[in-house]
Amino acid sequence: MTNMPSSAAKIVFVTRLSESKISSGLAYSAAAQQVQKKILEELIVQYGSDNVECISVRPAQAWPKGIFYFSEVKIGPILYTHAMNLPIFRGLFSFFVLFTLLLKNTRKIQIFYNAYLSDVFVVLLQKLLGIDTKSCIIIQDIRLDGQNFTFRARIHDYLAMRFAKYFDLCVPISQQIVNDFGLDKERCIIFKGGITDIGENLLPSLNSLERIAVFAGALEPYNGSLNLVNQWIQQGIEFPLHIFGKGSEEIAIRSLAGISECVFFHGFEPENEIIKWQKVALVNVCLRFGIGLNQKYFFPSKFFNIACAPGYVLVNNFFGIPEQVVNYLVVVDDNLSSLKSCLNELIEDYESTNGVRNDIRRKLIVEQFTWKSCVNAIASHLCKE
């Protein structure tokens, strides 16, 4: 266990974790769950369960699409707050519940995940009342640009981000967020993300890899899933491509897979099943396009996990690829026109070098992109005074 940076540095982590995918419905995000759980795990490992508390405001669609009322329940280290899940009022309810809980709390460091109006108003009120706490916000995504988000969601995130400057520390994924929202660069740590349990499960090396490619993720235009399948077929690539996931492009992909001998559609599968495929695949694919979202505000968190796999990682030149590892990736043109030639080159590289550069990439990811390093940097920054 790491020594606490200060004897007063007890931590509360405010999250949007859900104890049930069913109760959260369409508001449930597997990627967000993985990241928040990993942050909590690292906080507990580094600073001890006695020094860490977790409060979760469950993500959920508002009633009548979602559950009307959530009762308070504590599961392990996480306290899931009670909530009146009515449109508009649920934010106000969350504000009062959070403020009350944090007012009773003796924790000196408060870490918040993403920008929510209820959270930022709690921080503002604490500052106005002179409450002795240090606050940090980890900003992993902002719903501003693009048709993927409702008008209400865009207004909410815009307003919430305008108040982000009042946190003692901000941890955004890009410098552009710092610039666009007028954050104090002296009180910011840029951190794109880190590996979660999925990445750790992909780390063990295998003696040999299968000549297959795997794409796993939301089947949406911003992930390039349908374009990938179309190009795979049009370029006559005989390399088997396995697609996992669900989304708006699912029907089209399923149809194309039905007429192709080299594209295989699996649909939505449990994480442990997908890991089995990613672990043996010669190629894992991670694409990102600015279709329906702003790449400067959204980084594909799955990248860090995929980069832990033994095989090659094929990407397009999306915004924010860590410069430390870009030379150890297979980068395809944004229109995917070079897809076939990239695959041929990586096959040749594997036959001649056994994929040595993949080992270098994995080593760099493990050394530089972990949530352990992030939570330690947060605690050190907030306690240095």
Protein backbone atom coordinates (compact mmCIF):
# COMPACT_ATOMS: atom_id res chain seq x y z
CA MET A 1 0.00 0.00 0.00
CA THR A 2 1.31 3.45 -0.91
CA ASN A 3 1.86 5.92 1.89
CA MET A 4 -0.77 8.66 1.90
CA PRO A 5 0.62 11.98 0.61
CA SER A 6 -0.88 13.57 3.73
CA SER A 7 -2.36 12.22 6.93
CA ALA A 8 -5.55 14.16 6.14
CA ALA A 9 -5.82 12.82 2.61
CA LYS A 10 -8.86 10.60 2.87
CA ILE A 11 -10.68 10.20 -0.43
CA VAL A 12 -14.26 10.00 -1.64
CA PHE A 13 -14.89 9.00 -5.24
CA VAL A 14 -18.19 10.20 -6.73
CA THR A 15 -19.19 8.02 -9.66
CA ARG A 16 -21.98 7.09 -12.05
CA LEU A 17 -21.60 3.35 -11.50
CA SER A 18 -24.59 1.06 -11.81
CA GLU A 19 -25.13 -2.13 -9.85
CA SER A 20 -27.38 -3.43 -12.62
CA LYS A 21 -27.33 -3.13 -16.39
CA ILE A 22 -31.09 -3.74 -16.36
CA SER A 23 -31.84 -0.86 -13.98
CA SER A 24 -29.75 1.60 -16.00
CA GLY A 25 -31.18 0.56 -19.36
CA LEU A 26 -29.87 2.58 -22.30
CA ALA A 27 -27.93 4.84 -19.92
CA TYR A 28 -25.60 1.91 -19.10
CA SER A 29 -22.09 2.17 -20.57
CA ALA A 30 -19.86 -0.88 -20.26
CA ALA A 31 -16.74 1.16 -21.03
CA ALA A 32 -17.57 3.77 -18.37
CA GLN A 33 -18.27 1.01 -15.84
CA GLN A 34 -14.89 -0.59 -16.51
CA VAL A 35 -12.99 2.68 -16.13
CA GLN A 36 -14.74 3.80 -12.94
CA LYS A 37 -14.35 0.39 -11.32
CA LYS A 38 -10.65 0.41 -12.17
CA ILE A 39 -10.17 3.88 -10.69
CA LEU A 40 -11.92 2.78 -7.49
CA GLU A 41 -9.86 -0.41 -7.36
CA GLU A 42 -6.61 1.54 -7.70
CA LEU A 43 -7.65 4.05 -5.06
CA ILE A 44 -8.34 1.23 -2.60
CA VAL A 45 -5.13 -0.64 -3.48
CA GLN A 46 -2.99 2.48 -3.19
CA TYR A 47 -4.55 4.13 -0.15
CA GLY A 48 -6.44 1.41 1.71
CA SER A 49 -10.13 0.70 2.11
CA ASP A 50 -10.28 2.72 5.34
CA ASN A 51 -9.16 5.83 3.45
CA VAL A 52 -11.45 5.47 0.41
CA GLU A 53 -15.21 5.78 0.09
CA CYS A 54 -17.29 5.57 -3.09
CA ILE A 55 -20.65 7.26 -3.68
CA SER A 56 -22.56 6.43 -6.85
CA VAL A 57 -25.44 8.29 -8.45
CA ARG A 58 -26.84 5.57 -10.70
CA PRO A 59 -27.01 6.36 -14.42
CA ALA A 60 -30.51 5.73 -15.71
CA GLN A 61 -33.08 6.94 -18.17
CA ALA A 62 -35.63 9.23 -16.54
CA TRP A 63 -39.07 7.90 -15.69
CA PRO A 64 -41.26 6.73 -17.44
CA LYS A 65 -38.56 5.13 -19.64
CA GLY A 66 -36.54 4.24 -16.56
CA ILE A 67 -37.19 3.27 -12.95
CA PHE A 68 -39.19 5.86 -10.95
CA TYR A 69 -37.29 5.55 -7.67
CA PHE A 70 -33.97 4.08 -6.58
CA SER A 71 -33.52 3.12 -2.95
CA GLU A 72 -30.19 3.55 -1.18
CA VAL A 73 -28.05 0.43 -1.00
CA LYS A 74 -24.43 -0.29 -0.12
CA ILE A 75 -22.69 -3.05 -2.04
CA GLY A 76 -19.07 -3.63 -1.07
CA PRO A 77 -17.27 -0.28 -0.98
CA ILE A 78 -19.93 1.51 -3.07
CA LEU A 79 -22.87 3.44 -1.63
CA TYR A 80 -25.58 3.72 -4.30
CA THR A 81 -27.66 6.78 -3.41
CA HIS A 82 -31.44 6.90 -3.34
CA ALA A 83 -32.92 8.93 -6.20
CA MET A 84 -36.19 10.26 -7.49
CA ASN A 85 -35.72 9.55 -11.17
CA LEU A 86 -38.01 12.21 -12.64
CA PRO A 87 -37.05 14.42 -15.62
CA ILE A 88 -35.37 17.69 -14.55
CA PHE A 89 -35.98 17.03 -10.82
CA ARG A 90 -33.56 14.12 -10.64
CA GLY A 91 -30.60 16.49 -11.07
CA LEU A 92 -31.86 18.68 -8.23
CA PHE A 93 -32.49 15.59 -6.09
CA SER A 94 -28.96 14.30 -6.79
CA PHE A 95 -27.54 17.69 -5.78
CA PHE A 96 -29.19 17.62 -2.35
CA VAL A 97 -28.36 13.95 -1.74
CA LEU A 98 -24.71 14.42 -2.71
CA PHE A 99 -24.29 17.63 -0.74
CA THR A 100 -25.77 16.04 2.37
CA LEU A 101 -23.56 12.96 2.11
CA LEU A 102 -20.40 14.97 1.47
CA LEU A 103 -21.23 17.42 4.27
CA LYS A 104 -21.27 14.52 6.74
CA ASN A 105 -18.10 13.12 5.23
CA THR A 106 -14.69 13.77 6.75
CA ARG A 107 -12.90 12.96 3.50
CA LYS A 108 -10.53 15.71 2.41
CA ILE A 109 -10.18 14.77 -1.25
CA GLN A 110 -13.22 14.47 -3.52
CA ILE A 111 -12.79 12.93 -6.97
CA PHE A 112 -15.64 13.22 -9.47
CA TYR A 113 -16.02 11.25 -12.72
CA ASN A 114 -17.12 13.42 -15.69
CA ALA A 115 -18.96 16.72 -15.50
CA TYR A 116 -22.50 16.74 -14.09
CA LEU A 117 -24.33 19.90 -13.03
CA SER A 118 -25.36 18.36 -9.70
CA ASP A 119 -21.71 17.60 -8.91
CA VAL A 120 -20.26 20.95 -9.94
CA PHE A 121 -22.90 22.83 -7.92
CA VAL A 122 -22.00 20.73 -4.87
CA VAL A 123 -18.36 21.74 -5.29
CA LEU A 124 -19.31 25.39 -5.76
CA LEU A 125 -21.50 25.42 -2.64
CA GLN A 126 -18.76 23.81 -0.56
CA LYS A 127 -16.35 26.53 -1.65
CA LEU A 128 -18.89 29.28 -0.86
CA LEU A 129 -19.37 27.81 2.63
CA GLY A 130 -15.63 27.54 3.18
CA ILE A 131 -15.67 23.75 3.64
CA ASP A 132 -12.13 22.42 3.81
CA THR A 133 -11.94 19.96 0.91
CA LYS A 134 -9.94 19.51 -2.29
CA SER A 135 -11.85 18.55 -5.43
CA CYS A 136 -10.82 16.87 -8.67
CA ILE A 137 -12.78 16.09 -11.82
CA ILE A 138 -11.74 13.36 -14.26
CA ILE A 139 -13.10 14.30 -17.70
CA GLN A 140 -13.30 11.29 -20.01
CA ASP A 141 -15.96 12.52 -22.43
CA ILE A 142 -18.10 15.57 -23.19
CA ARG A 143 -21.39 15.34 -25.09
CA LEU A 144 -21.28 18.53 -27.13
CA ASP A 145 -20.92 18.16 -30.88
CA GLY A 146 -22.78 15.78 -33.14
CA GLN A 147 -26.12 14.14 -33.69
CA ASN A 148 -25.40 11.31 -31.25
CA PHE A 149 -26.48 13.49 -28.34
CA THR A 150 -29.78 15.15 -27.51
CA PHE A 151 -30.07 18.91 -27.28
CA ARG A 152 -30.62 18.58 -23.52
CA ALA A 153 -27.44 16.50 -23.12
CA ARG A 154 -25.38 19.02 -25.10
CA ILE A 155 -26.68 21.97 -23.05
CA HIS A 156 -26.08 20.05 -19.80
CA ASP A 157 -22.47 19.18 -20.61
CA TYR A 158 -21.71 22.67 -21.92
CA LEU A 159 -22.94 24.29 -18.71
CA ALA A 160 -21.25 21.70 -16.49
CA MET A 161 -17.93 22.20 -18.26
CA ARG A 162 -18.19 25.97 -17.84
CA PHE A 163 -18.03 25.39 -14.08
CA ALA A 164 -15.18 22.85 -14.27
CA LYS A 165 -12.63 25.62 -13.66
CA TYR A 166 -13.78 25.79 -10.03
CA PHE A 167 -12.38 22.35 -9.25
CA ASP A 168 -8.97 22.35 -7.59
CA LEU A 169 -7.73 19.89 -10.22
CA CYS A 170 -9.00 18.82 -13.65
CA VAL A 171 -7.88 15.64 -15.42
CA PRO A 172 -9.10 15.92 -19.04
CA ILE A 173 -8.21 13.64 -21.92
CA SER A 174 -6.84 16.41 -24.14
CA GLN A 175 -5.22 19.84 -24.14
CA GLN A 176 -8.07 21.00 -26.37
CA ILE A 177 -10.49 20.62 -23.44
CA VAL A 178 -8.22 22.83 -21.35
CA ASN A 179 -8.14 25.46 -24.09
CA ASP A 180 -11.81 25.33 -25.10
CA PHE A 181 -13.19 25.67 -21.56
CA GLY A 182 -10.66 28.11 -20.14
CA LEU A 183 -9.18 25.73 -17.56
CA ASP A 184 -6.08 26.74 -15.63
CA LYS A 185 -3.26 24.68 -17.13
CA GLU A 186 -1.41 24.79 -13.80
CA ARG A 187 -4.31 22.89 -12.25
CA CYS A 188 -4.70 20.32 -15.02
CA ILE A 189 -3.19 16.91 -15.67
CA ILE A 190 -3.72 15.58 -19.20
CA PHE A 191 -4.49 11.86 -19.03
CA LYS A 192 -6.04 10.07 -22.01
CA GLY A 193 -6.93 6.94 -20.07
CA GLY A 194 -5.52 3.63 -18.94
CA ILE A 195 -5.92 -0.10 -19.04
CA THR A 196 -8.67 -1.83 -17.08
CA ASP A 197 -9.14 -5.46 -16.06
CA ILE A 198 -9.80 -6.35 -19.70
CA GLY A 199 -6.33 -5.13 -20.69
CA GLU A 200 -4.73 -6.99 -17.82
CA ASN A 201 -6.44 -10.19 -18.96
CA LEU A 202 -5.03 -9.68 -22.46
CA LEU A 203 -1.42 -9.26 -21.31
CA PRO A 204 -0.27 -12.90 -21.02
CA SER A 205 1.61 -13.84 -24.21
CA LEU A 206 0.86 -16.82 -26.41
CA ASN A 207 3.25 -18.97 -28.40
CA SER A 208 1.38 -18.37 -31.64
CA LEU A 209 -1.47 -16.25 -32.95
CA GLU A 210 -4.29 -17.13 -35.33
CA ARG A 211 -4.54 -15.31 -38.65
CA ILE A 212 -7.77 -13.57 -37.85
CA ALA A 213 -8.81 -9.97 -37.22
CA VAL A 214 -11.20 -8.93 -34.44
CA PHE A 215 -13.35 -5.82 -34.14
CA ALA A 216 -15.23 -5.43 -30.85
CA GLY A 217 -17.22 -2.34 -29.93
CA ALA A 218 -20.30 -0.27 -30.58
CA LEU A 219 -21.40 -0.76 -34.18
CA GLU A 220 -21.71 2.94 -34.90
CA PRO A 221 -20.40 5.27 -37.63
CA TYR A 222 -17.92 6.92 -35.23
CA ASN A 223 -16.27 3.50 -34.77
CA GLY A 224 -16.15 2.81 -38.51
CA SER A 225 -17.60 -0.69 -38.19
CA LEU A 226 -19.70 -0.77 -41.38
CA ASN A 227 -17.02 0.98 -43.41
CA LEU A 228 -14.51 -1.62 -42.20
CA VAL A 229 -16.73 -4.50 -43.36
CA ASN A 230 -17.45 -2.83 -46.70
CA GLN A 231 -13.76 -2.27 -47.40
CA TRP A 232 -12.89 -5.78 -46.28
CA ILE A 233 -15.25 -7.19 -48.89
CA GLN A 234 -14.51 -4.66 -51.66
CA GLN A 235 -10.75 -5.10 -51.39
CA GLY A 236 -11.13 -8.88 -51.54
CA ILE A 237 -9.36 -9.50 -48.24
CA GLU A 238 -9.34 -13.23 -47.50
CA PHE A 239 -8.18 -12.70 -43.93
CA PRO A 240 -11.11 -13.67 -41.61
CA LEU A 241 -12.70 -10.68 -39.84
CA HIS A 242 -14.77 -11.32 -36.70
CA ILE A 243 -17.20 -8.60 -35.60
CA PHE A 244 -18.56 -8.31 -32.04
CA GLY A 245 -21.03 -5.73 -30.82
CA LYS A 246 -24.37 -4.08 -31.36
CA GLY A 247 -25.57 -0.72 -32.60
CA SER A 248 -27.17 1.17 -35.46
CA GLU A 249 -24.99 -0.54 -38.10
CA GLU A 250 -25.74 -4.03 -36.82
CA ILE A 251 -28.40 -4.98 -39.41
CA ALA A 252 -26.24 -3.90 -42.36
CA ILE A 253 -23.18 -5.73 -41.00
CA ARG A 254 -25.18 -8.87 -40.32
CA SER A 255 -26.46 -8.79 -43.91
CA LEU A 256 -22.99 -8.34 -45.40
CA ALA A 257 -21.56 -11.11 -43.23
CA GLY A 258 -24.26 -13.39 -44.61
CA ILE A 259 -22.93 -13.06 -48.14
CA SER A 260 -19.20 -12.95 -47.34
CA GLU A 261 -16.95 -15.92 -46.73
CA CYS A 262 -14.46 -13.83 -44.75
CA VAL A 263 -16.64 -11.66 -42.47
CA PHE A 264 -18.19 -13.32 -39.40
CA PHE A 265 -20.76 -11.51 -37.26
CA HIS A 266 -21.08 -12.64 -33.63
CA GLY A 267 -23.35 -9.92 -32.26
CA PHE A 268 -23.17 -8.90 -28.62
CA GLU A 269 -21.10 -11.28 -26.48
CA PRO A 270 -19.87 -11.21 -22.84
CA GLU A 271 -16.48 -9.61 -22.22
CA ASN A 272 -14.82 -12.90 -21.26
CA GLU A 273 -15.85 -14.43 -24.58
CA ILE A 274 -14.52 -11.48 -26.60
CA ILE A 275 -11.23 -11.57 -24.68
CA LYS A 276 -10.71 -15.17 -25.82
CA TRP A 277 -10.83 -14.01 -29.43
CA GLN A 278 -8.75 -10.86 -28.94
CA LYS A 279 -6.08 -12.82 -27.15
CA VAL A 280 -5.40 -15.14 -30.10
CA ALA A 281 -6.04 -12.67 -32.95
CA LEU A 282 -3.13 -11.61 -35.12
CA VAL A 283 -4.95 -8.28 -35.57
CA ASN A 284 -7.25 -6.28 -33.29
CA VAL A 285 -8.97 -3.26 -34.83
CA CYS A 286 -9.66 0.09 -33.16
CA LEU A 287 -11.07 2.86 -35.37
CA ARG A 288 -12.47 6.28 -34.48
CA PHE A 289 -14.02 8.96 -36.69
CA GLY A 290 -15.51 12.37 -35.98
CA ILE A 291 -18.99 11.28 -37.05
CA GLY A 292 -21.60 12.33 -34.51
CA LEU A 293 -19.03 13.30 -31.86
CA ASN A 294 -16.00 15.52 -31.33
CA GLN A 295 -12.84 13.42 -31.23
CA LYS A 296 -11.15 16.05 -29.04
CA TYR A 297 -13.71 15.33 -26.34
CA PHE A 298 -13.98 11.55 -26.79
CA PHE A 299 -11.07 9.11 -26.80
CA PRO A 300 -11.79 5.39 -27.40
CA SER A 301 -10.95 4.00 -23.96
CA LYS A 302 -10.90 0.48 -25.40
CA PHE A 303 -7.67 1.43 -27.22
CA PHE A 304 -5.56 0.92 -24.10
CA ASN A 305 -7.01 -2.54 -23.50
CA ILE A 306 -6.65 -3.63 -27.12
CA ALA A 307 -3.06 -2.38 -27.07
CA CYS A 308 -2.36 -4.98 -24.36
CA ALA A 309 -3.24 -7.87 -26.68
CA PRO A 310 -0.37 -9.96 -28.09
CA GLY A 311 -1.23 -9.25 -31.75
CA TYR A 312 -1.04 -6.18 -33.95
CA VAL A 313 -3.31 -3.19 -33.37
CA LEU A 314 -4.77 -1.69 -36.53
CA VAL A 315 -5.99 1.91 -36.22
CA ASN A 316 -6.82 4.87 -38.40
CA ASN A 317 -5.10 8.15 -37.64
CA PHE A 318 -7.66 9.31 -35.09
CA PHE A 319 -7.13 12.27 -32.81
CA GLY A 320 -5.06 11.77 -29.68
CA ILE A 321 -3.21 8.53 -30.40
CA PRO A 322 -0.40 8.52 -27.81
CA GLU A 323 2.83 9.48 -29.54
CA GLN A 324 4.72 7.03 -27.35
CA VAL A 325 3.16 4.03 -29.10
CA VAL A 326 2.14 5.29 -32.56
CA ASN A 327 5.22 3.73 -34.18
CA TYR A 328 4.19 0.33 -32.84
CA LEU A 329 0.70 0.42 -34.35
CA VAL A 330 -0.50 -0.40 -37.86
CA VAL A 331 -1.99 2.87 -39.13
CA VAL A 332 -4.42 2.66 -42.05
CA ASP A 333 -5.66 5.60 -44.15
CA ASP A 334 -8.84 7.23 -42.81
CA ASN A 335 -10.75 6.04 -45.89
CA LEU A 336 -9.35 2.54 -45.26
CA SER A 337 -8.06 2.36 -48.86
CA SER A 338 -4.73 1.00 -47.61
CA LEU A 339 -6.37 -1.74 -45.53
CA LYS A 340 -5.27 -4.70 -47.66
CA SER A 341 -1.69 -3.48 -48.04
CA CYS A 342 -1.44 -2.84 -44.28
CA LEU A 343 -2.58 -6.39 -43.55
CA ASN A 344 -0.08 -7.82 -46.03
CA GLU A 345 2.73 -5.82 -44.44
CA LEU A 346 1.91 -6.92 -40.90
CA ILE A 347 1.77 -10.56 -42.00
CA GLU A 348 5.24 -10.19 -43.49
CA ASP A 349 6.44 -8.51 -40.30
CA TYR A 350 5.01 -11.31 -38.17
CA GLU A 351 6.70 -13.98 -40.30
CA SER A 352 10.07 -12.23 -40.15
CA THR A 353 10.14 -10.79 -36.62
CA ASN A 354 7.40 -12.73 -34.79
CA GLY A 355 5.81 -9.37 -33.94
CA VAL A 356 8.58 -7.94 -31.77
CA ARG A 357 7.13 -4.42 -32.04
CA ASN A 358 3.93 -5.63 -30.40
CA ASP A 359 5.91 -6.55 -27.29
CA ILE A 360 7.41 -3.05 -27.21
CA ARG A 361 3.95 -1.48 -27.53
CA ARG A 362 2.54 -3.58 -24.70
CA LYS A 363 5.46 -2.71 -22.43
CA LEU A 364 4.97 1.02 -23.07
CA ILE A 365 1.23 0.82 -22.39
CA VAL A 366 1.72 -0.97 -19.08
CA GLU A 367 4.44 1.47 -18.00
CA GLN A 368 2.73 4.72 -18.98
CA PHE A 369 -1.04 4.26 -19.21
CA THR A 370 -2.40 2.90 -15.94
CA TRP A 371 -5.00 4.32 -13.59
CA LYS A 372 -2.57 3.69 -10.77
CA SER A 373 -0.28 6.43 -12.05
CA CYS A 374 -3.25 8.74 -12.54
CA VAL A 375 -4.71 8.38 -9.03
CA ASN A 376 -1.26 8.83 -7.49
CA ALA A 377 -0.74 12.01 -9.52
CA ILE A 378 -4.13 13.33 -8.37
CA ALA A 379 -3.45 12.67 -4.68
CA SER A 380 0.06 14.12 -4.90
CA HIS A 381 -1.16 17.28 -6.62
CA LEU A 382 -4.01 17.92 -4.20
CA CYS A 383 -1.90 17.22 -1.11
CA LYS A 384 1.28 19.04 -2.11
CA GLU A 385 0.21 22.15 -0.24
